[in-house]
């Protein structure tokens, strides 16, 4: 018997025989020998069992049925792309036994989750973001353990040249350097991460898994500043030590994740392990064997006109960094050869209605209106016929007013001599972005990220679909709301063979 959950069609599944005597005799041919399996009574014949007792027994069984099913995992989101307010998005993770909460930046440009630890040198003790800064102490968690040099997890880190072995104390240690010049170093630990999951139902459930993450003992650069301090960085990369890879390999979560970052107001958004399902999604393949989320950008169009830029300027090659999706970057950056044609095309399209000027090395425009509606639409055209459509507010930033006129500046910056294009939160906001690691592709669609979304555990990497949830965006870490639905494209199939013996 199969039970299908269909949108708009309630399904009633009758399981006959729960309170009746059941005797199942089934013949199997195993290696040529007939075998008989006897299913004995759970309760004596004609014995009346309270419904509460049956529900209790079923409740014990259900976690065993579902424990191997990858679940939708939700992380609350706070923060905004606005560099004049926050300039980053962050979430909350629960680690250790008993669990403690840590606020960490969402970063798809790195792989490892790391948390500031006790006795950390240079780690901020407070934050201008009005969030508590908690320090992790492995000795206070009953489930924590150090990652030793001989541990296979240590070798995973060493493959990316970030990890080494300290023979003096047999610790697996790491050093990370970020593009803004900041850095952190520490050692790896293993401990429990506690997750909010949804599996085939309308309410949250709790799950936990053992993961490896970094215990930061030293920080430098901007990481030491308290104005935008968080308790660590949550790397959502695809390498072996990323939390995504670890949870996927354990069957706890799918090999896909999605975010939808609110671009206005108080910010916030949606971050789930699973694929957001939206009819307008377009996908482009990931370039294989890269340490980051590299895409094949083919061209840029302004108001429908393709700019004269050699496509090789966007390529990922030995001496060029290619085009990277990175939620840990606030603005967006263009390869040097592409920047001037991009800015020139925008300036020419609005030259009759605005006053161009240069402010602090950025191309800006004085506009009589407080909205940038007169600016052109930009299209980033990727392999697979996938275009990312940018509204003016997806590439412009509003500065202070000048003489009653609004000052809008191009948020794209020029990167000299590196041959790299980086698409940060300025571009990624107000879009569903799906990282399908199993299918090695990234998809997106423009979207109001304060609205609810459909989420599935599916990926094109071969996992089955089990559940779909509808999550609504939140502007507060303490205020994440859930509304769950079941959609027709997702069915959770239970195969139950029931033979009821008459008394």
Protein backbone atom coordinates (compact mmCIF):
# COMPACT_ATOMS: atom_id res chain seq x y z
CA UNK A 1 0.00 0.00 0.00
CA UNK A 2 1.28 3.45 -0.83
CA UNK A 3 0.35 6.69 0.86
CA UNK A 4 0.84 9.84 -1.22
CA UNK A 5 0.67 13.36 0.18
CA UNK A 6 -0.78 15.56 -2.55
CA UNK A 7 -1.34 19.31 -2.59
CA UNK A 8 -4.98 20.16 -2.10
CA UNK A 9 -6.00 16.51 -1.74
CA UNK A 10 -6.13 15.27 1.86
CA UNK A 11 -5.11 11.66 2.21
CA UNK A 12 -6.41 9.36 4.91
CA UNK A 13 -4.28 6.31 5.54
CA UNK A 14 -6.06 3.50 7.33
CA UNK A 15 -3.76 1.03 9.00
CA UNK A 16 -6.01 -1.87 9.80
CA UNK A 17 -4.90 -4.38 12.34
CA UNK A 18 -3.21 -2.22 15.00
CA UNK A 19 -5.59 -3.49 17.69
CA UNK A 20 -6.36 -6.82 16.07
CA UNK A 21 -4.57 -10.15 16.12
CA UNK A 22 -2.18 -10.34 13.16
CA UNK A 23 -0.53 -13.46 11.85
CA UNK A 24 1.66 -13.09 8.79
CA UNK A 25 3.03 -16.14 7.08
CA UNK A 26 5.17 -15.30 4.10
CA UNK A 27 7.15 -17.69 1.98
CA UNK A 28 10.53 -16.63 0.69
CA UNK A 29 12.89 -18.47 -1.60
CA UNK A 30 16.34 -17.81 -0.22
CA UNK A 31 19.15 -19.75 -1.81
CA UNK A 32 16.59 -22.39 -2.79
CA UNK A 33 15.26 -22.95 0.73
CA UNK A 34 11.68 -21.93 1.71
CA UNK A 35 11.55 -19.74 4.78
CA UNK A 36 8.56 -18.86 6.97
CA UNK A 37 8.45 -15.70 9.07
CA UNK A 38 5.93 -15.56 11.90
CA UNK A 39 4.65 -12.19 13.13
CA UNK A 40 3.50 -12.69 16.71
CA UNK A 41 0.82 -10.71 18.51
CA UNK A 42 1.89 -7.57 20.25
CA UNK A 43 -1.15 -7.83 22.53
CA UNK A 44 -3.25 -10.86 23.59
CA UNK A 45 -6.39 -11.68 21.60
CA UNK A 46 -9.45 -9.59 22.61
CA UNK A 47 -7.26 -7.47 24.84
CA UNK A 48 -8.40 -3.82 24.75
CA UNK A 49 -5.53 -1.37 24.45
CA UNK A 50 -5.78 2.31 25.23
CA UNK A 51 -5.28 4.61 22.25
CA UNK A 52 -2.63 6.51 24.20
CA UNK A 53 -0.60 3.30 24.54
CA UNK A 54 -0.77 2.68 20.79
CA UNK A 55 0.31 6.26 20.08
CA UNK A 56 3.21 5.85 22.50
CA UNK A 57 4.39 2.66 20.80
CA UNK A 58 4.07 4.26 17.33
CA UNK A 59 5.96 7.30 18.55
CA UNK A 60 8.90 5.11 19.50
CA UNK A 61 8.92 3.57 16.05
CA UNK A 62 8.63 6.74 13.95
CA UNK A 63 12.07 8.19 14.80
CA UNK A 64 13.62 4.88 13.75
CA UNK A 65 11.78 5.04 10.44
CA UNK A 66 12.78 8.62 9.78
CA UNK A 67 16.29 8.72 11.15
CA UNK A 68 17.83 7.87 7.79
CA UNK A 69 15.78 10.50 5.94
CA UNK A 70 17.58 13.74 5.10
CA UNK A 71 15.64 16.59 6.67
CA UNK A 72 15.03 20.21 5.83
CA UNK A 73 17.16 22.14 8.34
CA UNK A 74 16.39 25.77 9.13
CA UNK A 75 18.74 28.50 10.36
CA UNK A 76 17.33 31.90 11.38
CA UNK A 77 18.83 34.89 9.58
CA UNK A 78 19.59 38.39 10.81
CA UNK A 79 21.53 41.30 9.34
CA UNK A 80 21.50 43.23 6.09
CA UNK A 81 23.74 43.83 3.08
CA UNK A 82 23.63 47.61 3.72
CA UNK A 83 27.27 48.55 4.36
CA UNK A 84 26.16 51.68 6.22
CA UNK A 85 24.24 49.62 8.77
CA UNK A 86 25.48 46.04 9.18
CA UNK A 87 27.08 44.90 5.94
CA UNK A 88 26.70 41.18 6.64
CA UNK A 89 24.15 38.44 7.29
CA UNK A 90 24.50 36.13 10.25
CA UNK A 91 22.74 33.22 11.88
CA UNK A 92 22.72 31.30 15.14
CA UNK A 93 24.11 27.81 15.76
CA UNK A 94 23.84 25.62 18.84
CA UNK A 95 26.88 23.57 19.78
CA UNK A 96 27.95 21.32 22.62
CA UNK A 97 26.32 19.42 25.49
CA UNK A 98 24.56 21.18 27.05
CA UNK A 99 24.00 23.28 23.90
CA UNK A 100 25.05 26.92 23.80
CA UNK A 101 24.20 29.50 21.16
CA UNK A 102 26.73 31.27 18.96
CA UNK A 103 26.14 33.96 16.35
CA UNK A 104 28.15 33.44 13.16
CA UNK A 105 28.44 35.14 9.79
CA UNK A 106 26.98 33.30 6.78
CA UNK A 107 29.84 32.82 4.31
CA UNK A 108 29.61 30.79 1.11
CA UNK A 109 33.16 31.82 0.24
CA UNK A 110 34.82 29.63 2.89
CA UNK A 111 34.38 26.07 4.08
CA UNK A 112 34.85 25.70 7.81
CA UNK A 113 32.62 26.65 10.73
CA UNK A 114 34.74 28.20 13.48
CA UNK A 115 33.82 29.72 16.84
CA UNK A 116 35.75 32.06 19.14
CA UNK A 117 37.11 30.05 22.05
CA UNK A 118 38.13 30.81 25.63
CA UNK A 119 41.52 32.55 25.91
CA UNK A 120 41.24 33.75 22.31
CA UNK A 121 43.76 36.47 21.49
CA UNK A 122 42.23 39.48 19.74
CA UNK A 123 38.64 38.20 19.84
CA UNK A 124 36.01 40.91 20.52
CA UNK A 125 34.13 40.56 23.81
CA UNK A 126 31.11 42.60 22.73
CA UNK A 127 29.33 43.53 19.50
CA UNK A 128 27.79 46.66 18.07
CA UNK A 129 25.20 44.37 16.45
CA UNK A 130 23.53 44.02 19.86
CA UNK A 131 24.10 40.28 20.00
CA UNK A 132 25.84 38.37 22.80
CA UNK A 133 29.35 37.12 22.08
CA UNK A 134 29.66 33.62 23.53
CA UNK A 135 32.98 31.80 23.80
CA UNK A 136 33.23 28.07 23.23
CA UNK A 137 34.98 25.96 25.87
CA UNK A 138 35.58 22.32 24.88
CA UNK A 139 36.09 21.33 28.52
CA UNK A 140 32.53 22.44 29.39
CA UNK A 141 30.89 20.15 26.81
CA UNK A 142 30.47 16.47 27.64
CA UNK A 143 30.49 15.54 23.92
CA UNK A 144 33.56 17.53 22.83
CA UNK A 145 36.79 15.89 21.73
CA UNK A 146 39.97 17.17 20.09
CA UNK A 147 40.83 16.23 16.52
CA UNK A 148 44.20 14.52 16.64
CA UNK A 149 46.84 14.44 13.94
CA UNK A 150 45.96 10.86 13.03
CA UNK A 151 42.26 11.64 12.57
CA UNK A 152 41.10 11.36 8.92
CA UNK A 153 39.26 14.67 9.36
CA UNK A 154 42.61 16.39 9.90
CA UNK A 155 43.83 15.16 6.54
CA UNK A 156 40.71 16.63 4.90
CA UNK A 157 41.72 20.06 6.15
CA UNK A 158 45.33 19.62 5.10
CA UNK A 159 44.23 18.96 1.51
CA UNK A 160 43.15 22.62 1.27
CA UNK A 161 46.51 23.74 2.75
CA UNK A 162 44.70 25.40 5.68
CA UNK A 163 45.46 22.70 8.27
CA UNK A 164 48.63 21.29 9.74
CA UNK A 165 49.54 19.00 12.58
CA UNK A 166 51.06 20.22 15.83
CA UNK A 167 53.23 17.32 16.96
CA UNK A 168 54.00 18.97 20.31
CA UNK A 169 50.41 18.52 21.57
CA UNK A 170 49.00 16.21 18.87
CA UNK A 171 46.41 18.76 17.71
CA UNK A 172 45.05 19.40 14.23
CA UNK A 173 45.48 23.15 13.81
CA UNK A 174 44.41 25.62 11.13
CA UNK A 175 45.08 29.12 9.84
CA UNK A 176 42.60 30.99 7.63
CA UNK A 177 43.27 34.21 5.74
CA UNK A 178 40.37 36.16 4.21
CA UNK A 179 40.27 38.52 1.26
CA UNK A 180 39.94 41.62 3.45
CA UNK A 181 43.25 40.85 5.16
CA UNK A 182 41.75 39.50 8.37
CA UNK A 183 42.62 36.05 9.68
CA UNK A 184 42.10 33.47 12.39
CA UNK A 185 43.96 30.43 13.70
CA UNK A 186 43.10 27.70 16.16
CA UNK A 187 42.50 23.97 16.41
CA UNK A 188 39.78 21.56 15.36
CA UNK A 189 37.31 19.93 17.74
CA UNK A 190 34.42 17.54 17.33
CA UNK A 191 31.12 18.23 19.10
CA UNK A 192 27.36 18.09 18.68
CA UNK A 193 25.47 20.59 16.53
CA UNK A 194 21.77 20.92 17.36
CA UNK A 195 19.41 21.53 14.46
CA UNK A 196 15.81 22.60 13.85
CA UNK A 197 14.51 20.10 11.30
CA UNK A 198 11.26 19.35 9.48
CA UNK A 199 10.49 15.88 8.18
CA UNK A 200 7.12 15.34 6.56
CA UNK A 201 5.14 17.34 9.11
CA UNK A 202 3.82 20.71 10.16
CA UNK A 203 6.03 21.29 13.18
CA UNK A 204 9.69 21.56 14.01
CA UNK A 205 11.65 18.75 15.52
CA UNK A 206 15.11 18.66 17.01
CA UNK A 207 18.07 16.71 15.67
CA UNK A 208 21.75 16.61 16.47
CA UNK A 209 24.89 15.37 14.79
CA UNK A 210 28.58 15.25 15.52
CA UNK A 211 30.59 17.68 13.39
CA UNK A 212 34.15 18.99 13.23
CA UNK A 213 34.64 22.75 13.55
CA UNK A 214 37.31 25.25 14.45
CA UNK A 215 38.09 26.60 17.91
CA UNK A 216 39.58 30.07 17.23
CA UNK A 217 42.48 31.07 19.49
CA UNK A 218 43.67 34.13 17.56
CA UNK A 219 42.10 36.74 15.28
CA UNK A 220 43.52 39.65 13.30
CA UNK A 221 42.34 42.51 11.09
CA UNK A 222 38.66 43.39 10.91
CA UNK A 223 37.78 40.29 12.94
CA UNK A 224 39.13 42.08 16.02
CA UNK A 225 36.76 45.05 15.67
CA UNK A 226 33.70 45.08 17.90
CA UNK A 227 31.38 47.28 15.79
CA UNK A 228 30.20 44.35 13.63
CA UNK A 229 31.59 41.50 15.69
CA UNK A 230 30.10 38.01 15.57
CA UNK A 231 31.16 34.88 17.41
CA UNK A 232 32.60 33.16 14.34
CA UNK A 233 32.09 32.36 10.68
CA UNK A 234 29.86 29.64 9.23
CA UNK A 235 31.55 28.46 6.03
CA UNK A 236 29.01 27.05 3.56
CA UNK A 237 31.59 25.85 1.03
CA UNK A 238 31.61 22.40 -0.57
CA UNK A 239 34.89 20.95 0.70
CA UNK A 240 35.04 17.94 3.01
CA UNK A 241 35.16 19.84 6.32
CA UNK A 242 32.20 22.09 5.53
CA UNK A 243 29.16 21.50 7.72
CA UNK A 244 27.09 20.90 4.57
CA UNK A 245 29.37 18.06 3.48
CA UNK A 246 29.54 16.58 6.97
CA UNK A 247 25.77 16.55 7.56
CA UNK A 248 25.07 15.27 4.04
CA UNK A 249 27.53 12.38 4.40
CA UNK A 250 25.79 11.39 7.66
CA UNK A 251 22.34 11.44 6.02
CA UNK A 252 21.16 14.17 8.40
CA UNK A 253 20.63 16.85 5.75
CA UNK A 254 20.50 16.98 1.94
CA UNK A 255 23.48 17.90 -0.22
CA UNK A 256 21.91 21.24 -1.09
CA UNK A 257 21.20 24.51 0.68
CA UNK A 258 19.40 27.75 -0.16
CA UNK A 259 19.17 31.31 1.04
CA UNK A 260 16.94 34.29 0.39
CA UNK A 261 18.37 37.49 1.88
CA UNK A 262 16.08 40.46 2.52
CA UNK A 263 17.54 43.60 0.97
CA UNK A 264 15.50 46.34 2.63
CA UNK A 265 14.13 47.33 6.01
CA UNK A 266 15.57 45.42 8.93
CA UNK A 267 17.01 42.73 6.67
CA UNK A 268 16.93 39.10 7.73
CA UNK A 269 15.90 36.32 5.40
CA UNK A 270 15.79 32.56 4.95
CA UNK A 271 18.58 29.97 5.16
CA UNK A 272 17.77 26.27 4.86
CA UNK A 273 19.55 23.02 4.15
CA UNK A 274 17.43 21.82 1.25
CA UNK A 275 16.31 23.23 -2.09
CA UNK A 276 13.86 26.10 -2.28
CA UNK A 277 11.34 25.28 -5.02
CA UNK A 278 10.23 28.21 -7.17
CA UNK A 279 8.82 28.05 -10.75
CA UNK A 280 11.02 30.88 -12.03
CA UNK A 281 14.34 29.29 -11.05
CA UNK A 282 17.15 29.14 -13.60
CA UNK A 283 20.30 27.05 -13.13
CA UNK A 284 23.87 27.19 -14.33
CA UNK A 285 26.55 24.51 -13.82
CA UNK A 286 29.29 24.88 -11.25
CA UNK A 287 32.80 24.78 -12.66
CA UNK A 288 34.18 21.51 -11.24
CA UNK A 289 37.20 21.06 -8.98
CA UNK A 290 37.25 24.63 -7.68
CA UNK A 291 37.64 25.70 -4.04
CA UNK A 292 34.82 28.24 -4.38
CA UNK A 293 31.43 28.45 -6.09
CA UNK A 294 32.76 29.34 -9.54
CA UNK A 295 30.35 29.95 -12.40
CA UNK A 296 30.88 30.48 -16.10
CA UNK A 297 29.87 34.10 -16.75
CA UNK A 298 29.67 34.63 -20.51
CA UNK A 299 28.61 38.25 -20.93
CA UNK A 300 27.00 41.33 -19.38
CA UNK A 301 24.07 43.18 -20.94
CA UNK A 302 22.84 46.69 -20.11
CA UNK A 303 19.29 47.49 -21.25
CA UNK A 304 19.43 44.40 -23.46
CA UNK A 305 22.66 45.38 -25.23
CA UNK A 306 25.59 43.02 -24.74
CA UNK A 307 28.79 44.79 -23.75
CA UNK A 308 31.97 44.33 -25.77
CA UNK A 309 33.89 42.34 -23.19
CA UNK A 310 36.05 39.36 -24.09
CA UNK A 311 34.39 36.33 -22.34
CA UNK A 312 37.85 35.07 -21.38
CA UNK A 313 38.00 37.97 -18.89
CA UNK A 314 35.46 36.04 -16.75
CA UNK A 315 37.03 32.60 -17.22
CA UNK A 316 38.37 30.38 -14.46
CA UNK A 317 41.88 29.44 -15.52
CA UNK A 318 45.41 29.20 -14.20
CA UNK A 319 45.94 32.95 -13.95
CA UNK A 320 42.33 34.11 -13.63
CA UNK A 321 40.07 33.61 -10.64
CA UNK A 322 36.83 33.47 -12.62
CA UNK A 323 33.38 34.43 -11.31
CA UNK A 324 32.52 33.52 -7.72
CA UNK A 325 29.32 33.58 -5.66
CA UNK A 326 30.21 34.74 -2.14
CA UNK A 327 27.70 35.70 0.56
CA UNK A 328 30.58 36.73 2.82
CA UNK A 329 31.31 39.70 0.52
CA UNK A 330 29.15 42.81 1.03
CA UNK A 331 29.52 44.48 -2.37
CA UNK A 332 30.26 43.11 -5.86
CA UNK A 333 33.54 43.20 -7.79
CA UNK A 334 34.33 43.11 -11.49
CA UNK A 335 37.49 42.06 -13.24
CA UNK A 336 39.46 45.11 -14.32
CA UNK A 337 38.84 44.57 -18.04
CA UNK A 338 35.05 44.43 -17.52
CA UNK A 339 34.62 47.31 -15.08
CA UNK A 340 35.03 50.33 -17.36
CA UNK A 341 32.72 49.06 -20.16
CA UNK A 342 30.10 48.28 -17.48
CA UNK A 343 30.26 51.74 -15.87
CA UNK A 344 30.39 53.53 -19.24
CA UNK A 345 27.25 51.75 -20.46
CA UNK A 346 25.28 52.71 -17.36
CA UNK A 347 26.47 56.32 -17.53
CA UNK A 348 25.54 56.67 -21.18
CA UNK A 349 22.05 55.29 -20.60
CA UNK A 350 21.21 57.91 -17.91
CA UNK A 351 23.34 60.87 -19.01
CA UNK A 352 20.29 62.88 -20.09
CA UNK A 353 18.49 62.67 -16.74
CA UNK A 354 21.21 62.60 -14.05
CA UNK A 355 24.46 64.38 -13.26
CA UNK A 356 27.46 61.99 -13.22
CA UNK A 357 30.28 62.67 -10.78
CA UNK A 358 33.11 60.76 -9.13
CA UNK A 359 33.07 60.46 -5.35
CA UNK A 360 35.79 58.61 -3.43
CA UNK A 361 36.92 56.75 -6.57
CA UNK A 362 33.38 55.52 -7.28
CA UNK A 363 31.16 56.51 -10.19
CA UNK A 364 28.13 58.29 -8.73
CA UNK A 365 25.09 60.17 -10.00
CA UNK A 366 23.04 63.05 -8.64
CA UNK A 367 19.38 62.19 -9.13
CA UNK A 368 16.40 64.43 -8.49
CA UNK A 369 14.28 61.43 -7.48
CA UNK A 370 14.83 59.39 -4.32
CA UNK A 371 14.40 56.20 -6.37
CA UNK A 372 16.78 55.00 -9.12
CA UNK A 373 14.03 53.96 -11.54
CA UNK A 374 15.64 55.76 -14.49
CA UNK A 375 18.69 53.49 -14.36
CA UNK A 376 18.89 50.51 -16.76
CA UNK A 377 18.36 46.84 -16.08
CA UNK A 378 21.56 44.77 -16.08
CA UNK A 379 21.75 41.11 -17.07
CA UNK A 380 24.59 38.79 -16.07
CA UNK A 381 24.48 35.96 -18.62
CA UNK A 382 25.80 32.56 -17.54
CA UNK A 383 26.30 29.18 -19.17
CA UNK A 384 23.17 27.09 -19.53
CA UNK A 385 21.12 30.04 -20.80
CA UNK A 386 20.76 31.32 -17.23
CA UNK A 387 20.60 35.10 -16.79
CA UNK A 388 20.69 36.95 -13.47
CA UNK A 389 18.59 40.09 -13.84
CA UNK A 390 19.77 43.04 -11.74
CA UNK A 391 17.47 45.93 -10.90
CA UNK A 392 19.13 49.33 -10.32
CA UNK A 393 19.11 48.73 -6.55
CA UNK A 394 21.06 45.50 -7.17
CA UNK A 395 24.10 47.40 -8.42
CA UNK A 396 23.64 50.90 -6.92
CA UNK A 397 24.07 52.24 -3.38
CA UNK A 398 22.48 55.42 -2.11
CA UNK A 399 24.86 57.86 -0.41
CA UNK A 400 24.11 61.11 1.38
CA UNK A 401 22.01 63.70 -0.42
CA UNK A 402 23.75 66.66 -2.07
CA UNK A 403 21.81 69.93 -2.34
CA UNK A 404 18.48 68.15 -2.12
CA UNK A 405 19.41 65.60 -4.81
CA UNK A 406 19.93 61.91 -4.07
CA UNK A 407 23.42 60.55 -4.64
CA UNK A 408 23.50 57.04 -6.10
CA UNK A 409 26.84 55.28 -6.64
CA UNK A 410 27.70 52.08 -8.49
CA UNK A 411 28.28 49.39 -5.87
CA UNK A 412 30.41 47.27 -8.19
CA UNK A 413 34.09 47.81 -7.49
CA UNK A 414 37.12 47.22 -9.71
CA UNK A 415 39.60 44.45 -8.91
CA UNK A 416 42.97 45.13 -10.50
CA UNK A 417 45.29 42.44 -11.76
CA UNK A 418 43.50 39.39 -10.34
CA UNK A 419 41.11 38.52 -13.14
CA UNK A 420 38.31 37.82 -10.70
CA UNK A 421 34.61 38.74 -10.46
CA UNK A 422 32.85 38.34 -7.09
CA UNK A 423 29.10 38.56 -6.64
CA UNK A 424 28.41 39.52 -3.03
CA UNK A 425 25.31 40.40 -1.01
CA UNK A 426 24.59 43.54 -3.04
CA UNK A 427 23.71 41.25 -5.94
CA UNK A 428 22.51 38.17 -4.05
CA UNK A 429 19.90 39.95 -1.91
CA UNK A 430 16.20 39.75 -2.85
CA UNK A 431 16.82 36.48 -4.66
CA UNK A 432 16.33 32.83 -3.94
CA UNK A 433 19.75 31.24 -4.44
CA UNK A 434 20.02 27.43 -4.45
CA UNK A 435 23.35 25.62 -4.12
CA UNK A 436 22.67 22.12 -5.46
CA UNK A 437 25.91 20.37 -4.55
CA UNK A 438 24.69 16.94 -5.60
CA UNK A 439 23.85 18.26 -9.05
CA UNK A 440 26.84 20.62 -9.15
CA UNK A 441 24.78 23.62 -10.13
CA UNK A 442 23.53 26.92 -8.71
CA UNK A 443 20.09 28.38 -9.36
CA UNK A 444 18.36 31.66 -8.60
CA UNK A 445 15.19 33.68 -9.04
CA UNK A 446 14.28 37.23 -8.06
CA UNK A 447 12.00 36.98 -5.04
CA UNK A 448 10.44 38.86 -2.14
CA UNK A 449 12.43 37.24 0.67
CA UNK A 450 9.93 38.36 3.32
CA UNK A 451 7.48 35.88 1.76
CA UNK A 452 7.27 32.15 2.40
CA UNK A 453 9.04 29.59 0.26
CA UNK A 454 8.61 25.91 -0.55
CA UNK A 455 11.55 23.74 0.49
CA UNK A 456 12.41 20.18 -0.48
CA UNK A 457 15.20 17.83 0.51
CA UNK A 458 15.68 16.84 -3.10
CA UNK A 459 18.81 17.45 -5.11
CA UNK A 460 19.63 16.44 -8.64
CA UNK A 461 22.43 14.34 -7.18
CA UNK A 462 20.09 11.40 -6.77
CA UNK A 463 18.45 11.82 -3.37
CA UNK A 464 14.74 11.07 -3.10
CA UNK A 465 12.27 13.78 -2.16
CA UNK A 466 10.71 13.26 1.24
CA UNK A 467 9.31 16.50 2.54
CA UNK A 468 8.43 20.00 1.53
CA UNK A 469 8.16 22.87 3.94
CA UNK A 470 7.06 26.45 3.54
CA UNK A 471 9.28 28.74 5.56
CA UNK A 472 8.63 32.44 5.98
CA UNK A 473 11.38 35.03 6.14
CA UNK A 474 12.22 36.67 9.43
CA UNK A 475 13.95 39.91 10.34
CA UNK A 476 14.84 38.69 13.80
CA UNK A 477 16.79 35.67 14.96
CA UNK A 478 14.23 35.25 17.74
CA UNK A 479 11.26 35.48 15.35
CA UNK A 480 11.39 32.75 12.71
CA UNK A 481 7.92 31.58 11.70
CA UNK A 482 6.96 28.37 9.97
CA UNK A 483 4.04 27.42 7.79
CA UNK A 484 4.33 23.97 6.33
CA UNK A 485 2.54 22.67 3.28
CA UNK A 486 2.78 19.54 1.19
CA UNK A 487 3.23 20.10 -2.53
CA UNK A 488 2.16 17.78 -5.31
CA UNK A 489 5.66 17.28 -6.72
CA UNK A 490 6.84 15.77 -3.44
CA UNK A 491 5.45 12.51 -2.11
CA UNK A 492 6.54 10.66 0.97
CA UNK A 493 5.85 7.02 0.14
CA UNK A 494 5.32 4.50 2.87
CA UNK A 495 5.31 0.91 1.70
CA UNK A 496 3.34 -1.14 4.18
CA UNK A 497 2.34 -4.77 3.59
CA UNK A 498 -0.50 -5.62 5.96
CA UNK A 499 -2.34 -8.95 6.09
CA UNK A 500 -5.09 -9.08 8.67
CA UNK A 501 -5.95 -12.53 9.97
CA UNK A 502 -9.58 -12.97 10.86
CA UNK A 503 -10.23 -14.25 14.34
